[in-house]
Amino acid sequence: MNPQTFKGFNAKVTLYDDRIEIKRDLTARIGGAKGSVVALTDLVRPLSKPPTAWANGYVYLATDADPAHLNYWADAPKMKIGGQPQAILFTWFQRSYQAAFLAALDTAWRAVRPES
């Protein structure tokens, strides 16, 4: 599979055969956001929420190393999904990109997961 790139809010996510790379744009990096790389074999499950006209949606790449108490509306900034390096936000106008990313991610993830 050729790498596929999807545009999110202040970031882009590239899906490869074996990993997902999230790269933040300059504005996000200045604000302290970090990019990340998640191996598809480390992905426990993708968590997602679709965007609405009032709030951004997200795709969060959950791994075994994540804290168990992630909460989108938590008070501590480090506990917000939107502040996590392995999350990508999508605006209402990017909802088709989020749907396309989730579909491609599902296909790639199933390809590397052992049959259970």
Protein backbone atom coordinates (compact mmCIF):
# COMPACT_ATOMS: atom_id res chain seq x y z
CA MET A 1 0.00 0.00 0.00
CA ASN A 2 1.26 3.46 -0.83
CA PRO A 3 1.31 5.95 2.05
CA GLN A 4 -1.95 7.85 2.40
CA THR A 5 -2.04 11.35 3.90
CA PHE A 6 -5.06 13.00 5.50
CA LYS A 7 -5.36 16.64 6.61
CA GLY A 8 -6.60 17.39 10.09
CA PHE A 9 -6.72 20.54 12.19
CA ASN A 10 -3.14 21.93 12.41
CA ALA A 11 -1.73 18.53 11.50
CA LYS A 12 -1.54 15.85 8.89
CA VAL A 13 -1.59 12.11 9.44
CA THR A 14 0.14 9.66 7.11
CA LEU A 15 -0.83 6.00 7.10
CA TYR A 16 1.83 3.48 6.06
CA ASP A 17 1.69 -0.33 5.95
CA ASP A 18 3.24 -0.59 9.42
CA ARG A 19 2.71 2.76 11.17
CA ILE A 20 0.82 6.01 11.49
CA GLU A 21 2.73 9.30 11.60
CA ILE A 22 1.20 12.51 12.90
CA LYS A 23 3.03 15.72 11.98
CA ARG A 24 1.97 19.06 13.42
CA ASP A 25 2.15 22.28 11.45
CA LEU A 26 4.22 25.22 12.66
CA THR A 27 1.37 26.90 14.53
CA ALA A 28 0.64 23.75 16.54
CA ARG A 29 4.33 23.16 17.30
CA ILE A 30 4.72 26.73 18.56
CA GLY A 31 1.74 26.04 20.84
CA GLY A 32 3.51 23.00 22.26
CA ALA A 33 1.78 20.21 20.32
CA LYS A 34 3.98 17.29 19.42
CA GLY A 35 3.74 14.81 16.61
CA SER A 36 4.05 11.08 17.04
CA VAL A 37 4.50 7.73 15.37
CA VAL A 38 2.33 4.77 16.34
CA ALA A 39 3.09 1.29 15.04
CA LEU A 40 -0.04 -0.43 13.75
CA THR A 41 0.87 -3.46 15.85
CA ASP A 42 0.85 -1.25 19.00
CA LEU A 43 -2.60 0.15 18.25
CA VAL A 44 -5.15 -1.25 20.70
CA ARG A 45 -8.02 0.58 19.05
CA PRO A 46 -8.76 3.91 17.45
CA LEU A 47 -11.14 6.08 19.44
CA SER A 48 -13.06 8.65 17.48
CA LYS A 49 -15.74 11.27 17.72
CA PRO A 50 -17.16 12.93 14.61
CA PRO A 51 -16.96 16.71 14.38
CA THR A 52 -20.06 18.83 14.65
CA ALA A 53 -20.70 22.37 13.53
CA TRP A 54 -19.92 23.41 17.14
CA ALA A 55 -16.97 21.23 18.15
CA ASN A 56 -14.02 19.49 16.54
CA GLY A 57 -13.98 15.74 16.27
CA TYR A 58 -10.95 13.52 16.75
CA VAL A 59 -9.26 10.22 16.11
CA TYR A 60 -7.17 9.02 19.04
CA LEU A 61 -4.73 6.14 18.49
CA ALA A 62 -5.00 4.24 21.78
CA THR A 63 -2.10 1.98 22.79
CA ASP A 64 -1.38 -0.14 25.88
CA ALA A 65 0.93 2.63 27.14
CA ASP A 66 -1.93 5.15 27.49
CA PRO A 67 -3.31 6.19 30.86
CA ALA A 68 -6.63 4.48 31.52
CA HIS A 69 -8.40 7.71 32.45
CA LEU A 70 -8.26 9.75 29.24
CA ASN A 71 -11.26 12.01 29.03
CA TYR A 72 -12.02 14.60 26.36
CA TRP A 73 -13.53 16.99 28.89
CA ALA A 74 -11.04 16.45 31.72
CA ASP A 75 -9.80 19.54 33.55
CA ALA A 76 -6.08 18.81 33.39
CA PRO A 77 -4.81 19.81 29.91
CA LYS A 78 -2.57 16.75 29.68
CA MET A 79 -5.61 14.49 30.06
CA LYS A 80 -7.55 15.95 27.16
CA ILE A 81 -7.55 13.78 24.07
CA GLY A 82 -6.98 16.85 21.90
CA GLY A 83 -3.69 17.53 23.69
CA GLN A 84 -2.28 14.05 23.22
CA PRO A 85 0.49 13.49 20.63
CA GLN A 86 -1.30 10.45 19.16
CA ALA A 87 -4.53 12.34 18.47
CA ILE A 88 -5.57 14.25 15.40
CA LEU A 89 -8.44 16.72 15.43
CA PHE A 90 -10.83 17.29 12.53
CA THR A 91 -13.08 20.31 11.95
CA TRP A 92 -16.60 20.14 10.58
CA PHE A 93 -15.22 20.99 7.14
CA GLN A 94 -12.71 18.11 7.41
CA ARG A 95 -15.28 15.45 8.33
CA SER A 96 -14.83 13.65 5.01
CA TYR A 97 -11.07 13.43 5.68
CA GLN A 98 -11.77 11.91 9.10
CA ALA A 99 -14.13 9.32 7.59
CA ALA A 100 -11.61 8.44 4.88
CA PHE A 101 -8.80 8.14 7.45
CA LEU A 102 -10.88 5.87 9.68
CA ALA A 103 -11.77 3.61 6.74
CA ALA A 104 -8.15 3.36 5.57
CA LEU A 105 -6.93 2.84 9.15
CA ASP A 106 -9.42 0.02 9.70
CA THR A 107 -8.20 -1.77 6.58
CA ALA A 108 -4.51 -1.34 7.46
CA TRP A 109 -5.04 -2.30 11.10
CA ARG A 110 -6.92 -5.49 10.20
CA ALA A 111 -4.08 -6.46 7.85
CA VAL A 112 -1.51 -6.49 10.67
CA ARG A 113 -3.64 -7.92 13.48
CA PRO A 114 -3.40 -11.63 14.17
CA GLU A 115 -6.64 -13.52 13.70
CA SER A 116 -8.43 -14.02 17.02
